[in-house]
C-alpha cells in the first residue's frame, strides 16, 4: 500500500470538485498523473454514487481521491484519504491512528487554523481564499503578501514538513504571483484548468510555478 507521504512528495496540484459548475470527467483527463482530487460537494443528494464513480475515474487516470468530511464514505469506497473542513480539523488525530496510510488534508483560513491543523497531523493544508473567488464571494482574500507573511511566521516557529496549497480564485493570469511564495502548490476548481487544453499544457504551467 502506498503511504501518504509518497502520494504528496511529487505532487503540486489538487483539484476540488464542483459538480454543479463543472463535470469532473472534463477535468480529470487533464490532470497530471499523481494529482490529488478532493470530492467536496457536501450537499450532493447522490453523494455515495458520485463518490464511487469519481473513484473509478481517478483510478483510470492514476489520481488520488480524498473524500470531503466523511471518513466513513472514504473507507466504504476505498478512497486514499479524507479532507476535513476547518471546523473538523481535530478529527485528524483520531483517524490518523486508525488509517495511518491515508492522506489527510484540511481547510485553513487563518494563521491560527494552520497551526491547529499542523498540531493535529494534517498532511496537507489548503489555505484560502488567496484571491477573490465566486464560490465564496463574501470572503476577504488573503492576498499574496499577507499569505506569505503568515507562512513565514509559522516557519520561524516550527519546521513545516507538510505541504501547504494555495486555494481560491487561482487562474492562468494570477498563478505567476505564487512563484516566489512558500506555497507548495495550488488547489483549484476550474479557473486554471479551463485555461489549459490538455495534461501537457497543465504540467508545463505547474512546472513554471515550481521554478523559483
C-alpha atoms as a PDB file:
ATOM      1  CA  UNK A   1       0.000   0.000   0.000  1.00  0.00           C
ATOM      2  CA  UNK A   2       1.323   3.452  -0.933  1.00  0.00           C
ATOM      3  CA  UNK A   3       1.973   5.600   2.110  1.00  0.00           C
ATOM      4  CA  UNK A   4       0.510   9.099   2.263  1.00  0.00           C
ATOM      5  CA  UNK A   5       3.940  10.752   2.237  1.00  0.00           C
ATOM      6  CA  UNK A   6       4.703   9.068  -1.082  1.00  0.00           C
ATOM      7  CA  UNK A   7       1.500  10.499  -2.529  1.00  0.00           C
ATOM      8  CA  UNK A   8       2.369  14.110  -1.748  1.00  0.00           C
ATOM      9  CA  UNK A   9       6.138  14.151  -2.263  1.00  0.00           C
ATOM     10  CA  UNK A  10       5.920  14.738  -6.016  1.00  0.00           C
ATOM     11  CA  UNK A  11       2.557  16.481  -6.211  1.00  0.00           C
ATOM     12  CA  UNK A  12       1.803  20.171  -6.540  1.00  0.00           C
ATOM     13  CA  UNK A  13      -1.785  20.142  -7.754  1.00  0.00           C
ATOM     14  CA  UNK A  14      -5.122  19.478  -6.073  1.00  0.00           C
ATOM     15  CA  UNK A  15      -8.455  19.566  -7.882  1.00  0.00           C
ATOM     16  CA  UNK A  16     -11.506  20.333  -5.728  1.00  0.00           C
ATOM     17  CA  UNK A  17     -14.751  19.151  -7.314  1.00  0.00           C
ATOM     18  CA  UNK A  18     -17.732  21.401  -8.019  1.00  0.00           C
ATOM     19  CA  UNK A  19     -20.233  19.128  -9.731  1.00  0.00           C
ATOM     20  CA  UNK A  20     -22.811  21.859 -10.224  1.00  0.00           C
ATOM     21  CA  UNK A  21     -20.312  24.019 -12.102  1.00  0.00           C
ATOM     22  CA  UNK A  22     -18.074  21.616 -13.986  1.00  0.00           C
ATOM     23  CA  UNK A  23     -18.067  17.899 -14.789  1.00  0.00           C
ATOM     24  CA  UNK A  24     -15.111  16.077 -13.172  1.00  0.00           C
ATOM     25  CA  UNK A  25     -14.655  13.922 -16.294  1.00  0.00           C
ATOM     26  CA  UNK A  26     -13.599  17.004 -18.264  1.00  0.00           C
ATOM     27  CA  UNK A  27     -11.045  17.905 -15.605  1.00  0.00           C
ATOM     28  CA  UNK A  28      -9.555  14.558 -14.588  1.00  0.00           C
ATOM     29  CA  UNK A  29      -8.378  13.788 -18.099  1.00  0.00           C
ATOM     30  CA  UNK A  30      -6.299  16.983 -18.000  1.00  0.00           C
ATOM     31  CA  UNK A  31      -4.679  16.337 -14.610  1.00  0.00           C
ATOM     32  CA  UNK A  32      -1.104  15.079 -14.450  1.00  0.00           C
ATOM     33  CA  UNK A  33      -0.849  11.539 -13.061  1.00  0.00           C
ATOM     34  CA  UNK A  34      -0.434  11.597  -9.300  1.00  0.00           C
ATOM     35  CA  UNK A  35      -2.592  14.675  -8.773  1.00  0.00           C
ATOM     36  CA  UNK A  36      -4.998  14.752  -5.845  1.00  0.00           C
ATOM     37  CA  UNK A  37      -8.760  15.098  -6.259  1.00  0.00           C
ATOM     38  CA  UNK A  38     -10.921  16.238  -3.334  1.00  0.00           C
ATOM     39  CA  UNK A  39     -14.578  15.273  -3.556  1.00  0.00           C
ATOM     40  CA  UNK A  40     -16.241  18.165  -1.727  1.00  0.00           C
ATOM     41  CA  UNK A  41     -19.883  18.544  -2.883  1.00  0.00           C
ATOM     42  CA  UNK A  42     -21.267  18.007   0.601  1.00  0.00           C
ATOM     43  CA  UNK A  43     -24.876  18.551  -0.448  1.00  0.00           C
ATOM     44  CA  UNK A  44     -24.893  16.053  -3.340  1.00  0.00           C
ATOM     45  CA  UNK A  45     -28.139  14.034  -2.903  1.00  0.00           C
ATOM     46  CA  UNK A  46     -26.423  11.031  -4.518  1.00  0.00           C
ATOM     47  CA  UNK A  47     -23.104  11.532  -2.785  1.00  0.00           C
ATOM     48  CA  UNK A  48     -22.192   7.872  -2.362  1.00  0.00           C
ATOM     49  CA  UNK A  49     -22.938   7.093  -6.000  1.00  0.00           C
ATOM     50  CA  UNK A  50     -20.983  10.157  -7.150  1.00  0.00           C
ATOM     51  CA  UNK A  51     -18.052   9.198  -4.927  1.00  0.00           C
ATOM     52  CA  UNK A  52     -17.957   5.663  -6.322  1.00  0.00           C
ATOM     53  CA  UNK A  53     -17.987   6.944  -9.909  1.00  0.00           C
ATOM     54  CA  UNK A  54     -15.324   9.553  -9.142  1.00  0.00           C
ATOM     55  CA  UNK A  55     -13.139   6.904  -7.524  1.00  0.00           C
ATOM     56  CA  UNK A  56     -13.292   4.794 -10.686  1.00  0.00           C
ATOM     57  CA  UNK A  57     -12.463   7.867 -12.753  1.00  0.00           C
ATOM     58  CA  UNK A  58      -9.484   8.714 -10.543  1.00  0.00           C
ATOM     59  CA  UNK A  59      -8.126   5.174 -10.714  1.00  0.00           C
ATOM     60  CA  UNK A  60      -8.345   5.172 -14.505  1.00  0.00           C
ATOM     61  CA  UNK A  61      -6.260   8.371 -14.656  1.00  0.00           C
ATOM     62  CA  UNK A  62      -3.817   7.463 -11.837  1.00  0.00           C
ATOM     63  CA  UNK A  63      -5.163  10.149  -9.499  1.00  0.00           C
ATOM     64  CA  UNK A  64      -5.577  10.061  -5.728  1.00  0.00           C
ATOM     65  CA  UNK A  65      -9.021  10.671  -4.230  1.00  0.00           C
ATOM     66  CA  UNK A  66      -9.842  12.285  -0.876  1.00  0.00           C
ATOM     67  CA  UNK A  67     -13.417  12.350   0.380  1.00  0.00           C
ATOM     68  CA  UNK A  68     -14.517  15.602   1.979  1.00  0.00           C
ATOM     69  CA  UNK A  69     -15.866  15.469   5.518  1.00  0.00           C
ATOM     70  CA  UNK A  70     -16.673  11.720   5.603  1.00  0.00           C
ATOM     71  CA  UNK A  71     -14.060   9.148   6.689  1.00  0.00           C
ATOM     72  CA  UNK A  72     -16.833   6.547   6.669  1.00  0.00           C
ATOM     73  CA  UNK A  73     -17.540   7.126   2.973  1.00  0.00           C
ATOM     74  CA  UNK A  74     -13.815   7.134   2.196  1.00  0.00           C
ATOM     75  CA  UNK A  75     -13.468   3.776   3.913  1.00  0.00           C
ATOM     76  CA  UNK A  76     -16.542   2.387   2.182  1.00  0.00           C
ATOM     77  CA  UNK A  77     -15.342   3.109  -1.356  1.00  0.00           C
ATOM     78  CA  UNK A  78     -11.615   2.569  -0.771  1.00  0.00           C
ATOM     79  CA  UNK A  79     -10.509   6.181  -1.243  1.00  0.00           C
ATOM     80  CA  UNK A  80      -6.966   7.381  -0.489  1.00  0.00           C
ATOM     81  CA  UNK A  81      -7.895   9.642   2.390  1.00  0.00           C
ATOM     82  CA  UNK A  82     -10.098  12.407   3.751  1.00  0.00           C
ATOM     83  CA  UNK A  83     -10.356  16.172   3.503  1.00  0.00           C
ATOM     84  CA  UNK A  84     -11.647  17.909   6.629  1.00  0.00           C
ATOM     85  CA  UNK A  85     -13.219  21.380   6.721  1.00  0.00           C
ATOM     86  CA  UNK A  86     -11.621  23.726   9.243  1.00  0.00           C
ATOM     87  CA  UNK A  87     -14.192  23.024  11.975  1.00  0.00           C
ATOM     88  CA  UNK A  88     -13.446  19.269  11.820  1.00  0.00           C
ATOM     89  CA  UNK A  89      -9.653  19.508  11.975  1.00  0.00           C
ATOM     90  CA  UNK A  90      -9.466  17.911  15.444  1.00  0.00           C
ATOM     91  CA  UNK A  91     -10.705  14.613  13.974  1.00  0.00           C
ATOM     92  CA  UNK A  92      -7.469  14.165  12.025  1.00  0.00           C
ATOM     93  CA  UNK A  93      -5.573  12.888  15.081  1.00  0.00           C
ATOM     94  CA  UNK A  94      -8.119  10.127  15.668  1.00  0.00           C
ATOM     95  CA  UNK A  95      -8.298   8.959  12.065  1.00  0.00           C
ATOM     96  CA  UNK A  96      -4.529   9.023  11.517  1.00  0.00           C
ATOM     97  CA  UNK A  97      -4.245   6.353  14.203  1.00  0.00           C
ATOM     98  CA  UNK A  98      -6.971   4.271  12.578  1.00  0.00           C
ATOM     99  CA  UNK A  99      -5.770   4.803   8.996  1.00  0.00           C
ATOM    100  CA  UNK A 100      -2.013   5.555   9.061  1.00  0.00           C
ATOM    101  CA  UNK A 101      -1.676   5.100   5.283  1.00  0.00           C
ATOM    102  CA  UNK A 102      -4.415   7.576   4.423  1.00  0.00           C
ATOM    103  CA  UNK A 103      -3.713  11.112   3.294  1.00  0.00           C
ATOM    104  CA  UNK A 104      -5.355  13.838   5.400  1.00  0.00           C
ATOM    105  CA  UNK A 105      -5.935  17.388   4.225  1.00  0.00           C
ATOM    106  CA  UNK A 106      -7.670  20.292   5.919  1.00  0.00           C
ATOM    107  CA  UNK A 107      -9.024  23.722   5.044  1.00  0.00           C
ATOM    108  CA  UNK A 108      -7.488  26.750   6.778  1.00  0.00           C
ATOM    109  CA  UNK A 109      -8.495  30.393   6.696  1.00  0.00           C
ATOM    110  CA  UNK A 110      -6.122  31.949   9.246  1.00  0.00           C
ATOM    111  CA  UNK A 111      -2.716  31.549  10.872  1.00  0.00           C
ATOM    112  CA  UNK A 112      -4.392  30.052  13.945  1.00  0.00           C
ATOM    113  CA  UNK A 113      -6.168  27.471  11.816  1.00  0.00           C
ATOM    114  CA  UNK A 114      -2.920  26.476  10.084  1.00  0.00           C
ATOM    115  CA  UNK A 115      -1.156  25.948  13.417  1.00  0.00           C
ATOM    116  CA  UNK A 116      -4.096  23.893  14.684  1.00  0.00           C
ATOM    117  CA  UNK A 117      -4.109  21.706  11.571  1.00  0.00           C
ATOM    118  CA  UNK A 118      -0.376  21.120  11.892  1.00  0.00           C
ATOM    119  CA  UNK A 119      -0.765  20.138  15.542  1.00  0.00           C
ATOM    120  CA  UNK A 120      -3.405  17.541  14.654  1.00  0.00           C
ATOM    121  CA  UNK A 121      -1.207  15.990  11.981  1.00  0.00           C
ATOM    122  CA  UNK A 122      -2.689  17.151   8.679  1.00  0.00           C
ATOM    123  CA  UNK A 123      -0.526  16.031   5.752  1.00  0.00           C
ATOM    124  CA  UNK A 124      -1.552  18.916   3.520  1.00  0.00           C
ATOM    125  CA  UNK A 125      -3.349  22.184   4.149  1.00  0.00           C
ATOM    126  CA  UNK A 126      -5.486  24.279   1.820  1.00  0.00           C
ATOM    127  CA  UNK A 127      -5.133  27.978   2.705  1.00  0.00           C
ATOM    128  CA  UNK A 128      -7.864  30.198   1.277  1.00  0.00           C
ATOM    129  CA  UNK A 129      -9.093  32.288  -0.304  1.00  0.00           C
ATOM    130  CA  UNK A 130      -5.906  33.703  -1.784  1.00  0.00           C
ATOM    131  CA  UNK A 131      -7.707  35.704  -4.475  1.00  0.00           C
ATOM    132  CA  UNK A 132     -11.325  36.792  -4.808  1.00  0.00           C
ATOM    133  CA  UNK A 133     -13.485  33.842  -5.808  1.00  0.00           C
ATOM    134  CA  UNK A 134     -17.061  33.435  -6.981  1.00  0.00           C
ATOM    135  CA  UNK A 135     -17.505  30.311  -4.850  1.00  0.00           C
ATOM    136  CA  UNK A 136     -17.111  32.434  -1.681  1.00  0.00           C
ATOM    137  CA  UNK A 137     -17.940  35.997  -2.799  1.00  0.00           C
ATOM    138  CA  UNK A 138     -18.207  37.334   0.768  1.00  0.00           C
ATOM    139  CA  UNK A 139     -14.822  36.053   1.901  1.00  0.00           C
ATOM    140  CA  UNK A 140     -11.998  38.583   2.087  1.00  0.00           C
ATOM    141  CA  UNK A 141      -8.996  37.436   0.006  1.00  0.00           C
ATOM    142  CA  UNK A 142      -5.843  36.657   1.980  1.00  0.00           C
ATOM    143  CA  UNK A 143      -3.733  38.160  -0.864  1.00  0.00           C
ATOM    144  CA  UNK A 144      -0.164  37.128  -1.674  1.00  0.00           C
ATOM    145  CA  UNK A 145       1.666  39.447   0.726  1.00  0.00           C
ATOM    146  CA  UNK A 146      -0.404  38.532   3.775  1.00  0.00           C
ATOM    147  CA  UNK A 147      -0.355  34.817   2.944  1.00  0.00           C
ATOM    148  CA  UNK A 148       3.406  34.673   2.578  1.00  0.00           C
ATOM    149  CA  UNK A 149       3.870  36.656   5.791  1.00  0.00           C
ATOM    150  CA  UNK A 150       1.697  34.157   7.668  1.00  0.00           C
ATOM    151  CA  UNK A 151       3.623  31.197   6.266  1.00  0.00           C
ATOM    152  CA  UNK A 152       6.953  32.828   7.151  1.00  0.00           C
ATOM    153  CA  UNK A 153       5.757  33.475  10.707  1.00  0.00           C
ATOM    154  CA  UNK A 154       4.815  29.848  11.130  1.00  0.00           C
ATOM    155  CA  UNK A 155       8.048  28.613   9.539  1.00  0.00           C
ATOM    156  CA  UNK A 156      10.027  30.652  12.088  1.00  0.00           C
ATOM    157  CA  UNK A 157       8.211  28.923  14.951  1.00  0.00           C
ATOM    158  CA  UNK A 158       8.260  25.363  13.693  1.00  0.00           C
ATOM    159  CA  UNK A 159       9.586  23.197  10.877  1.00  0.00           C
ATOM    160  CA  UNK A 160       6.801  22.788   8.329  1.00  0.00           C
ATOM    161  CA  UNK A 161       7.064  19.319   6.811  1.00  0.00           C
ATOM    162  CA  UNK A 162       3.528  19.380   5.457  1.00  0.00           C
ATOM    163  CA  UNK A 163       2.565  20.803   2.088  1.00  0.00           C
ATOM    164  CA  UNK A 164       0.517  23.984   2.054  1.00  0.00           C
ATOM    165  CA  UNK A 165      -1.567  24.683  -1.046  1.00  0.00           C
ATOM    166  CA  UNK A 166      -3.000  27.995  -2.197  1.00  0.00           C
ATOM    167  CA  UNK A 167      -6.737  27.913  -2.935  1.00  0.00           C
ATOM    168  CA  UNK A 168      -9.271  30.416  -4.165  1.00  0.00           C
ATOM    169  CA  UNK A 169      -9.615  32.393  -7.368  1.00  0.00           C
ATOM    170  CA  UNK A 170      -6.452  30.997  -8.973  1.00  0.00           C
ATOM    171  CA  UNK A 171      -6.298  31.233 -12.749  1.00  0.00           C
ATOM    172  CA  UNK A 172      -3.684  31.387 -15.504  1.00  0.00           C
ATOM    173  CA  UNK A 173      -3.226  35.151 -15.042  1.00  0.00           C
ATOM    174  CA  UNK A 174      -2.556  35.276 -11.293  1.00  0.00           C
ATOM    175  CA  UNK A 175      -0.764  31.927 -10.925  1.00  0.00           C
ATOM    176  CA  UNK A 176       2.577  33.641 -11.565  1.00  0.00           C
ATOM    177  CA  UNK A 177       2.238  35.609  -8.326  1.00  0.00           C
ATOM    178  CA  UNK A 178       2.574  32.357  -6.352  1.00  0.00           C
ATOM    179  CA  UNK A 179       6.039  31.573  -7.723  1.00  0.00           C
ATOM    180  CA  UNK A 180       8.048  33.300  -5.005  1.00  0.00           C
ATOM    181  CA  UNK A 181       5.937  32.236  -2.040  1.00  0.00           C
ATOM    182  CA  UNK A 182       6.192  29.395   0.471  1.00  0.00           C
ATOM    183  CA  UNK A 183       3.226  27.576  -1.042  1.00  0.00           C
ATOM    184  CA  UNK A 184       3.972  24.018  -2.191  1.00  0.00           C
ATOM    185  CA  UNK A 185       1.348  24.022  -4.918  1.00  0.00           C
ATOM    186  CA  UNK A 186      -2.151  25.053  -5.896  1.00  0.00           C
ATOM    187  CA  UNK A 187      -5.624  23.715  -5.208  1.00  0.00           C
ATOM    188  CA  UNK A 188      -8.122  24.700  -7.872  1.00  0.00           C
ATOM    189  CA  UNK A 189     -11.660  24.058  -9.034  1.00  0.00           C
ATOM    190  CA  UNK A 190     -11.911  25.324 -12.574  1.00  0.00           C
ATOM    191  CA  UNK A 191     -10.218  28.690 -13.206  1.00  0.00           C
ATOM    192  CA  UNK A 192      -6.764  27.428 -14.137  1.00  0.00           C
ATOM    193  CA  UNK A 193      -7.944  24.170 -15.649  1.00  0.00           C
ATOM    194  CA  UNK A 194     -10.240  25.928 -18.091  1.00  0.00           C
ATOM    195  CA  UNK A 195      -7.211  27.741 -19.497  1.00  0.00           C
ATOM    196  CA  UNK A 196      -5.235  24.529 -20.021  1.00  0.00           C
ATOM    197  CA  UNK A 197      -6.291  22.467 -23.006  1.00  0.00           C
ATOM    198  CA  UNK A 198      -4.647  19.189 -22.000  1.00  0.00           C
ATOM    199  CA  UNK A 199      -2.420  17.469 -19.434  1.00  0.00           C
ATOM    200  CA  UNK A 200       0.792  18.552 -21.176  1.00  0.00           C
ATOM    201  CA  UNK A 201      -0.276  22.199 -21.116  1.00  0.00           C
ATOM    202  CA  UNK A 202      -1.204  21.939 -17.447  1.00  0.00           C
ATOM    203  CA  UNK A 203       2.033  20.175 -16.492  1.00  0.00           C
ATOM    204  CA  UNK A 204       4.069  22.946 -18.111  1.00  0.00           C
ATOM    205  CA  UNK A 205       2.096  25.564 -16.215  1.00  0.00           C
ATOM    206  CA  UNK A 206       2.786  23.770 -12.942  1.00  0.00           C
ATOM    207  CA  UNK A 207       6.469  23.332 -13.755  1.00  0.00           C
ATOM    208  CA  UNK A 208       6.646  27.084 -14.278  1.00  0.00           C
ATOM    209  CA  UNK A 209       5.192  27.550 -10.812  1.00  0.00           C
ATOM    210  CA  UNK A 210       7.912  25.366  -9.249  1.00  0.00           C
ATOM    211  CA  UNK A 211      10.718  27.421 -10.824  1.00  0.00           C
ATOM    212  CA  UNK A 212      11.685  29.749  -8.018  1.00  0.00           C
END
